[in-house]
Amino acid sequence: MHETQAMREKLFTMRVSDEESARLELVAKHYGLNAAGVLRMLVKREADAIVANRPKPATSKKRSAKK
């Protein structure tokens, strides 16, 4: 298993309103996570969905020689 400090070198800080904080606490309690875990989970879920919905690059089809 990777060491957390080695994997997470960047610090992210944000301000939230009371309403946003209450929502975050609700979601965190539901999933049994802390606020950072909720953010990581949601960002990963959204990133995975974006990647899954990207159109695949067109592949060039070789033309068969006509006889």
PDB file of N, CA and C in Angstrom:
ATOM      1  N   MET A   1       0.836  -1.181   0.000  1.00  0.00           N
ATOM      2  CA  MET A   1       0.000   0.000   0.000  1.00  0.00           C
ATOM      3  C   MET A   1       0.880   1.244   0.000  1.00  0.00           C
ATOM      4  N   HIS A   2       0.440   2.290  -0.676  1.00  0.00           N
ATOM      5  CA  HIS A   2       1.215   3.526  -0.767  1.00  0.00           C
ATOM      6  C   HIS A   2       1.087   4.337   0.516  1.00  0.00           C
ATOM      7  N   GLU A   3       2.144   5.088   0.808  1.00  0.00           N
ATOM      8  CA  GLU A   3       2.074   5.989   1.950  1.00  0.00           C
ATOM      9  C   GLU A   3       1.266   7.217   1.554  1.00  0.00           C
ATOM     10  N   THR A   4       0.368   7.640   2.418  1.00  0.00           N
ATOM     11  CA  THR A   4      -0.506   8.776   2.114  1.00  0.00           C
ATOM     12  C   THR A   4       0.303  10.028   1.832  1.00  0.00           C
ATOM     13  N   GLN A   5       1.321  10.318   2.618  1.00  0.00           N
ATOM     14  CA  GLN A   5       2.099  11.529   2.412  1.00  0.00           C
ATOM     15  C   GLN A   5       2.803  11.519   1.065  1.00  0.00           C
ATOM     16  N   ALA A   6       3.301  10.394   0.653  1.00  0.00           N
ATOM     17  CA  ALA A   6       4.007  10.313  -0.624  1.00  0.00           C
ATOM     18  C   ALA A   6       3.037  10.532  -1.783  1.00  0.00           C
ATOM     19  N   MET A   7       1.800  10.076  -1.637  1.00  0.00           N
ATOM     20  CA  MET A   7       0.826  10.197  -2.700  1.00  0.00           C
ATOM     21  C   MET A   7       0.183  11.581  -2.748  1.00  0.00           C
ATOM     22  N   ARG A   8       0.007  12.217  -1.602  1.00  0.00           N
ATOM     23  CA  ARG A   8      -0.735  13.474  -1.528  1.00  0.00           C
ATOM     24  C   ARG A   8       0.179  14.583  -1.055  1.00  0.00           C
ATOM     25  N   GLU A   9       0.823  15.224  -2.013  1.00  0.00           N
ATOM     26  CA  GLU A   9       1.761  16.288  -1.689  1.00  0.00           C
ATOM     27  C   GLU A   9       1.121  17.667  -1.738  1.00  0.00           C
ATOM     28  N   LYS A  10       0.016  17.810  -2.485  1.00  0.00           N
ATOM     29  CA  LYS A  10      -0.593  19.117  -2.664  1.00  0.00           C
ATOM     30  C   LYS A  10      -1.686  19.352  -1.629  1.00  0.00           C
ATOM     31  N   LEU A  11      -1.710  20.579  -1.109  1.00  0.00           N
ATOM     32  CA  LEU A  11      -2.716  20.962  -0.133  1.00  0.00           C
ATOM     33  C   LEU A  11      -3.812  21.742  -0.846  1.00  0.00           C
ATOM     34  N   PHE A  12      -5.071  21.411  -0.555  1.00  0.00           N
ATOM     35  CA  PHE A  12      -6.226  22.088  -1.146  1.00  0.00           C
ATOM     36  C   PHE A  12      -7.068  22.656  -0.008  1.00  0.00           C
ATOM     37  N   THR A  13      -7.292  23.933  -0.037  1.00  0.00           N
ATOM     38  CA  THR A  13      -8.092  24.588   0.990  1.00  0.00           C
ATOM     39  C   THR A  13      -9.222  25.343   0.313  1.00  0.00           C
ATOM     40  N   MET A  14     -10.408  25.278   0.882  1.00  0.00           N
ATOM     41  CA  MET A  14     -11.519  26.038   0.324  1.00  0.00           C
ATOM     42  C   MET A  14     -12.439  26.508   1.428  1.00  0.00           C
ATOM     43  N   ARG A  15     -13.124  27.586   1.157  1.00  0.00           N
ATOM     44  CA  ARG A  15     -14.111  28.108   2.099  1.00  0.00           C
ATOM     45  C   ARG A  15     -15.488  27.654   1.647  1.00  0.00           C
ATOM     46  N   VAL A  16     -16.338  27.319   2.591  1.00  0.00           N
ATOM     47  CA  VAL A  16     -17.703  26.906   2.276  1.00  0.00           C
ATOM     48  C   VAL A  16     -18.680  27.692   3.145  1.00  0.00           C
ATOM     49  N   SER A  17     -19.884  27.831   2.638  1.00  0.00           N
ATOM     50  CA  SER A  17     -20.938  28.485   3.418  1.00  0.00           C
ATOM     51  C   SER A  17     -21.474  27.494   4.448  1.00  0.00           C
ATOM     52  N   ASP A  18     -22.304  27.990   5.359  1.00  0.00           N
ATOM     53  CA  ASP A  18     -22.928  27.096   6.347  1.00  0.00           C
ATOM     54  C   ASP A  18     -23.781  26.040   5.646  1.00  0.00           C
ATOM     55  N   GLU A  19     -24.492  26.457   4.599  1.00  0.00           N
ATOM     56  CA  GLU A  19     -25.345  25.530   3.855  1.00  0.00           C
ATOM     57  C   GLU A  19     -24.505  24.446   3.164  1.00  0.00           C
ATOM     58  N   GLU A  20     -23.409  24.851   2.533  1.00  0.00           N
ATOM     59  CA  GLU A  20     -22.528  23.883   1.865  1.00  0.00           C
ATOM     60  C   GLU A  20     -21.893  22.942   2.878  1.00  0.00           C
ATOM     61  N   SER A  21     -21.516  23.489   4.021  1.00  0.00           N
ATOM     62  CA  SER A  21     -20.912  22.670   5.074  1.00  0.00           C
ATOM     63  C   SER A  21     -21.898  21.623   5.575  1.00  0.00           C
ATOM     64  N   ALA A  22     -23.153  22.025   5.746  1.00  0.00           N
ATOM     65  CA  ALA A  22     -24.177  21.077   6.199  1.00  0.00           C
ATOM     66  C   ALA A  22     -24.378  19.969   5.175  1.00  0.00           C
ATOM     67  N   ARG A  23     -24.396  20.332   3.889  1.00  0.00           N
ATOM     68  CA  ARG A  23     -24.539  19.312   2.835  1.00  0.00           C
ATOM     69  C   ARG A  23     -23.361  18.354   2.856  1.00  0.00           C
ATOM     70  N   LEU A  24     -22.158  18.905   2.974  1.00  0.00           N
ATOM     71  CA  LEU A  24     -20.955  18.081   2.986  1.00  0.00           C
ATOM     72  C   LEU A  24     -20.972  17.126   4.176  1.00  0.00           C
ATOM     73  N   GLU A  25     -21.360  17.614   5.334  1.00  0.00           N
ATOM     74  CA  GLU A  25     -21.449  16.759   6.518  1.00  0.00           C
ATOM     75  C   GLU A  25     -22.488  15.652   6.336  1.00  0.00           C
ATOM     76  N   LEU A  26     -23.615  15.980   5.705  1.00  0.00           N
ATOM     77  CA  LEU A  26     -24.660  14.986   5.452  1.00  0.00           C
ATOM     78  C   LEU A  26     -24.139  13.861   4.556  1.00  0.00           C
ATOM     79  N   VAL A  27     -23.477  14.239   3.468  1.00  0.00           N
ATOM     80  CA  VAL A  27     -22.942  13.244   2.525  1.00  0.00           C
ATOM     81  C   VAL A  27     -21.832  12.435   3.199  1.00  0.00           C
ATOM     82  N   ALA A  28     -20.972  13.115   3.940  1.00  0.00           N
ATOM     83  CA  ALA A  28     -19.875  12.424   4.637  1.00  0.00           C
ATOM     84  C   ALA A  28     -20.421  11.392   5.617  1.00  0.00           C
ATOM     85  N   LYS A  29     -21.428  11.774   6.376  1.00  0.00           N
ATOM     86  CA  LYS A  29     -22.024  10.838   7.349  1.00  0.00           C
ATOM     87  C   LYS A  29     -22.649   9.648   6.622  1.00  0.00           C
ATOM     88  N   HIS A  30     -23.333   9.921   5.513  1.00  0.00           N
ATOM     89  CA  HIS A  30     -23.973   8.855   4.746  1.00  0.00           C
ATOM     90  C   HIS A  30     -22.961   7.804   4.282  1.00  0.00           C
ATOM     91  N   TYR A  31     -21.814   8.265   3.792  1.00  0.00           N
ATOM     92  CA  TYR A  31     -20.799   7.341   3.267  1.00  0.00           C
ATOM     93  C   TYR A  31     -19.767   6.917   4.309  1.00  0.00           C
ATOM     94  N   GLY A  32     -19.849   7.468   5.511  1.00  0.00           N
ATOM     95  CA  GLY A  32     -18.885   7.104   6.546  1.00  0.00           C
ATOM     96  C   GLY A  32     -17.493   7.637   6.253  1.00  0.00           C
ATOM     97  N   LEU A  33     -17.438   8.803   5.646  1.00  0.00           N
ATOM     98  CA  LEU A  33     -16.168   9.423   5.280  1.00  0.00           C
ATOM     99  C   LEU A  33     -16.028  10.769   5.960  1.00  0.00           C
ATOM    100  N   ASN A  34     -14.822  11.323   5.893  1.00  0.00           N
ATOM    101  CA  ASN A  34     -14.651  12.711   6.298  1.00  0.00           C
ATOM    102  C   ASN A  34     -14.818  13.588   5.053  1.00  0.00           C
ATOM    103  N   ALA A  35     -14.733  14.886   5.220  1.00  0.00           N
ATOM    104  CA  ALA A  35     -14.961  15.809   4.105  1.00  0.00           C
ATOM    105  C   ALA A  35     -13.977  15.560   2.961  1.00  0.00           C
ATOM    106  N   ALA A  36     -12.729  15.331   3.283  1.00  0.00           N
ATOM    107  CA  ALA A  36     -11.729  15.097   2.240  1.00  0.00           C
ATOM    108  C   ALA A  36     -12.048  13.819   1.465  1.00  0.00           C
ATOM    109  N   GLY A  37     -12.484  12.787   2.164  1.00  0.00           N
ATOM    110  CA  GLY A  37     -12.850  11.537   1.499  1.00  0.00           C
ATOM    111  C   GLY A  37     -14.033  11.699   0.572  1.00  0.00           C
ATOM    112  N   VAL A  38     -15.012  12.499   0.997  1.00  0.00           N
ATOM    113  CA  VAL A  38     -16.176  12.764   0.144  1.00  0.00           C
ATOM    114  C   VAL A  38     -15.743  13.482  -1.127  1.00  0.00           C
ATOM    115  N   LEU A  39     -14.919  14.494  -0.988  1.00  0.00           N
ATOM    116  CA  LEU A  39     -14.459  15.232  -2.171  1.00  0.00           C
ATOM    117  C   LEU A  39     -13.672  14.333  -3.113  1.00  0.00           C
ATOM    118  N   ARG A  40     -12.798  13.514  -2.570  1.00  0.00           N
ATOM    119  CA  ARG A  40     -12.028  12.589  -3.413  1.00  0.00           C
ATOM    120  C   ARG A  40     -12.962  11.626  -4.147  1.00  0.00           C
ATOM    121  N   MET A  41     -13.948  11.077  -3.418  1.00  0.00           N
ATOM    122  CA  MET A  41     -14.882  10.130  -4.013  1.00  0.00           C
ATOM    123  C   MET A  41     -15.675  10.781  -5.147  1.00  0.00           C
ATOM    124  N   LEU A  42     -16.218  11.974  -4.882  1.00  0.00           N
ATOM    125  CA  LEU A  42     -17.046  12.638  -5.887  1.00  0.00           C
ATOM    126  C   LEU A  42     -16.237  13.069  -7.106  1.00  0.00           C
ATOM    127  N   VAL A  43     -15.030  13.565  -6.881  1.00  0.00           N
ATOM    128  CA  VAL A  43     -14.181  13.973  -8.008  1.00  0.00           C
ATOM    129  C   VAL A  43     -13.808  12.762  -8.843  1.00  0.00           C
ATOM    130  N   LYS A  44     -13.473  11.647  -8.202  1.00  0.00           N
ATOM    131  CA  LYS A  44     -13.132  10.432  -8.956  1.00  0.00           C
ATOM    132  C   LYS A  44     -14.335   9.937  -9.747  1.00  0.00           C
ATOM    133  N   ARG A  45     -15.511   9.923  -9.123  1.00  0.00           N
ATOM    134  CA  ARG A  45     -16.728   9.463  -9.793  1.00  0.00           C
ATOM    135  C   ARG A  45     -17.005  10.312 -11.035  1.00  0.00           C
ATOM    136  N   GLU A  46     -16.912  11.614 -10.908  1.00  0.00           N
ATOM    137  CA  GLU A  46     -17.176  12.509 -12.038  1.00  0.00           C
ATOM    138  C   GLU A  46     -16.111  12.364 -13.125  1.00  0.00           C
ATOM    139  N   ALA A  47     -14.857  12.259 -12.724  1.00  0.00           N
ATOM    140  CA  ALA A  47     -13.775  12.097 -13.704  1.00  0.00           C
ATOM    141  C   ALA A  47     -13.941  10.788 -14.474  1.00  0.00           C
ATOM    142  N   ASP A  48     -14.290   9.716 -13.772  1.00  0.00           N
ATOM    143  CA  ASP A  48     -14.522   8.427 -14.434  1.00  0.00           C
ATOM    144  C   ASP A  48     -15.679   8.519 -15.428  1.00  0.00           C
ATOM    145  N   ALA A  49     -16.744   9.240 -15.057  1.00  0.00           N
ATOM    146  CA  ALA A  49     -17.895   9.394 -15.950  1.00  0.00           C
ATOM    147  C   ALA A  49     -17.522  10.197 -17.190  1.00  0.00           C
ATOM    148  N   ILE A  50     -16.730  11.230 -17.013  1.00  0.00           N
ATOM    149  CA  ILE A  50     -16.298  12.051 -18.155  1.00  0.00           C
ATOM    150  C   ILE A  50     -15.463  11.218 -19.112  1.00  0.00           C
ATOM    151  N   VAL A  51     -14.519  10.471 -18.566  1.00  0.00           N
ATOM    152  CA  VAL A  51     -13.650   9.637 -19.408  1.00  0.00           C
ATOM    153  C   VAL A  51     -14.468   8.567 -20.122  1.00  0.00           C
ATOM    154  N   ALA A  52     -15.419   7.980 -19.435  1.00  0.00           N
ATOM    155  CA  ALA A  52     -16.242   6.916 -20.029  1.00  0.00           C
ATOM    156  C   ALA A  52     -17.123   7.452 -21.157  1.00  0.00           C
ATOM    157  N   ASN A  53     -17.505   8.712 -21.088  1.00  0.00           N
ATOM    158  CA  ASN A  53     -18.401   9.285 -22.094  1.00  0.00           C
ATOM    159  C   ASN A  53     -17.684  10.006 -23.226  1.00  0.00           C
ATOM    160  N   ARG A  54     -16.365  10.012 -23.183  1.00  0.00           N
ATOM    161  CA  ARG A  54     -15.614  10.652 -24.272  1.00  0.00           C
ATOM    162  C   ARG A  54     -15.783   9.846 -25.542  1.00  0.00           C
ATOM    163  N   PRO A  55     -15.975  10.541 -26.657  1.00  0.00           N
ATOM    164  CA  PRO A  55     -16.034   9.785 -27.917  1.00  0.00           C
ATOM    165  C   PRO A  55     -14.672   9.150 -28.196  1.00  0.00           C
ATOM    166  N   LYS A  56     -14.716   7.959 -28.688  1.00  0.00           N
ATOM    167  CA  LYS A  56     -13.467   7.268 -29.008  1.00  0.00           C
ATOM    168  C   LYS A  56     -12.902   7.842 -30.300  1.00  0.00           C
ATOM    169  N   PRO A  57     -11.588   7.955 -30.392  1.00  0.00           N
ATOM    170  CA  PRO A  57     -11.000   8.498 -31.612  1.00  0.00           C
ATOM    171  C   PRO A  57     -11.336   7.620 -32.817  1.00  0.00           C
ATOM    172  N   ALA A  58     -11.579   8.277 -33.924  1.00  0.00           N
ATOM    173  CA  ALA A  58     -11.910   7.540 -35.154  1.00  0.00           C
ATOM    174  C   ALA A  58     -10.686   6.752 -35.598  1.00  0.00           C
ATOM    175  N   THR A  59     -10.934   5.543 -35.999  1.00  0.00           N
ATOM    176  CA  THR A  59      -9.827   4.720 -36.503  1.00  0.00           C
ATOM    177  C   THR A  59      -9.869   4.780 -38.026  1.00  0.00           C
ATOM    178  N   SER A  60      -8.704   4.829 -38.585  1.00  0.00           N
ATOM    179  CA  SER A  60      -8.668   4.874 -40.053  1.00  0.00           C
ATOM    180  C   SER A  60      -8.869   3.460 -40.587  1.00  0.00           C
ATOM    181  N   LYS A  61      -9.759   3.353 -41.531  1.00  0.00           N
ATOM    182  CA  LYS A  61     -10.035   2.042 -42.120  1.00  0.00           C
ATOM    183  C   LYS A  61      -9.224   1.928 -43.414  1.00  0.00           C
ATOM    184  N   LYS A  62      -8.591   0.817 -43.550  1.00  0.00           N
ATOM    185  CA  LYS A  62      -7.830   0.597 -44.781  1.00  0.00           C
ATOM    186  C   LYS A  62      -8.813   0.278 -45.900  1.00  0.00           C
ATOM    187  N   ARG A  63      -8.603   0.931 -46.997  1.00  0.00           N
ATOM    188  CA  ARG A  63      -9.468   0.645 -48.162  1.00  0.00           C
ATOM    189  C   ARG A  63      -9.009  -0.643 -48.827  1.00  0.00           C
ATOM    190  N   SER A  64      -9.973  -1.451 -49.139  1.00  0.00           N
ATOM    191  CA  SER A  64      -9.617  -2.680 -49.837  1.00  0.00           C
ATOM    192  C   SER A  64      -9.498  -2.356 -51.324  1.00  0.00           C
ATOM    193  N   ALA A  65      -8.533  -2.975 -51.958  1.00  0.00           N
ATOM    194  CA  ALA A  65      -8.309  -2.719 -53.388  1.00  0.00           C
ATOM    195  C   ALA A  65      -9.437  -3.326 -54.191  1.00  0.00           C
ATOM    196  N   LYS A  66      -9.993  -2.520 -55.111  1.00  0.00           N
ATOM    197  CA  LYS A  66     -11.059  -3.037 -55.970  1.00  0.00           C
ATOM    198  C   LYS A  66     -10.437  -3.795 -57.132  1.00  0.00           C
ATOM    199  N   LYS A  67     -11.101  -4.859 -57.502  1.00  0.00           N
ATOM    200  CA  LYS A  67     -10.602  -5.667 -58.615  1.00  0.00           C
ATOM    201  C   LYS A  67     -11.333  -5.373 -59.856  1.00  0.00           C
TER     202      LYS A  67
END
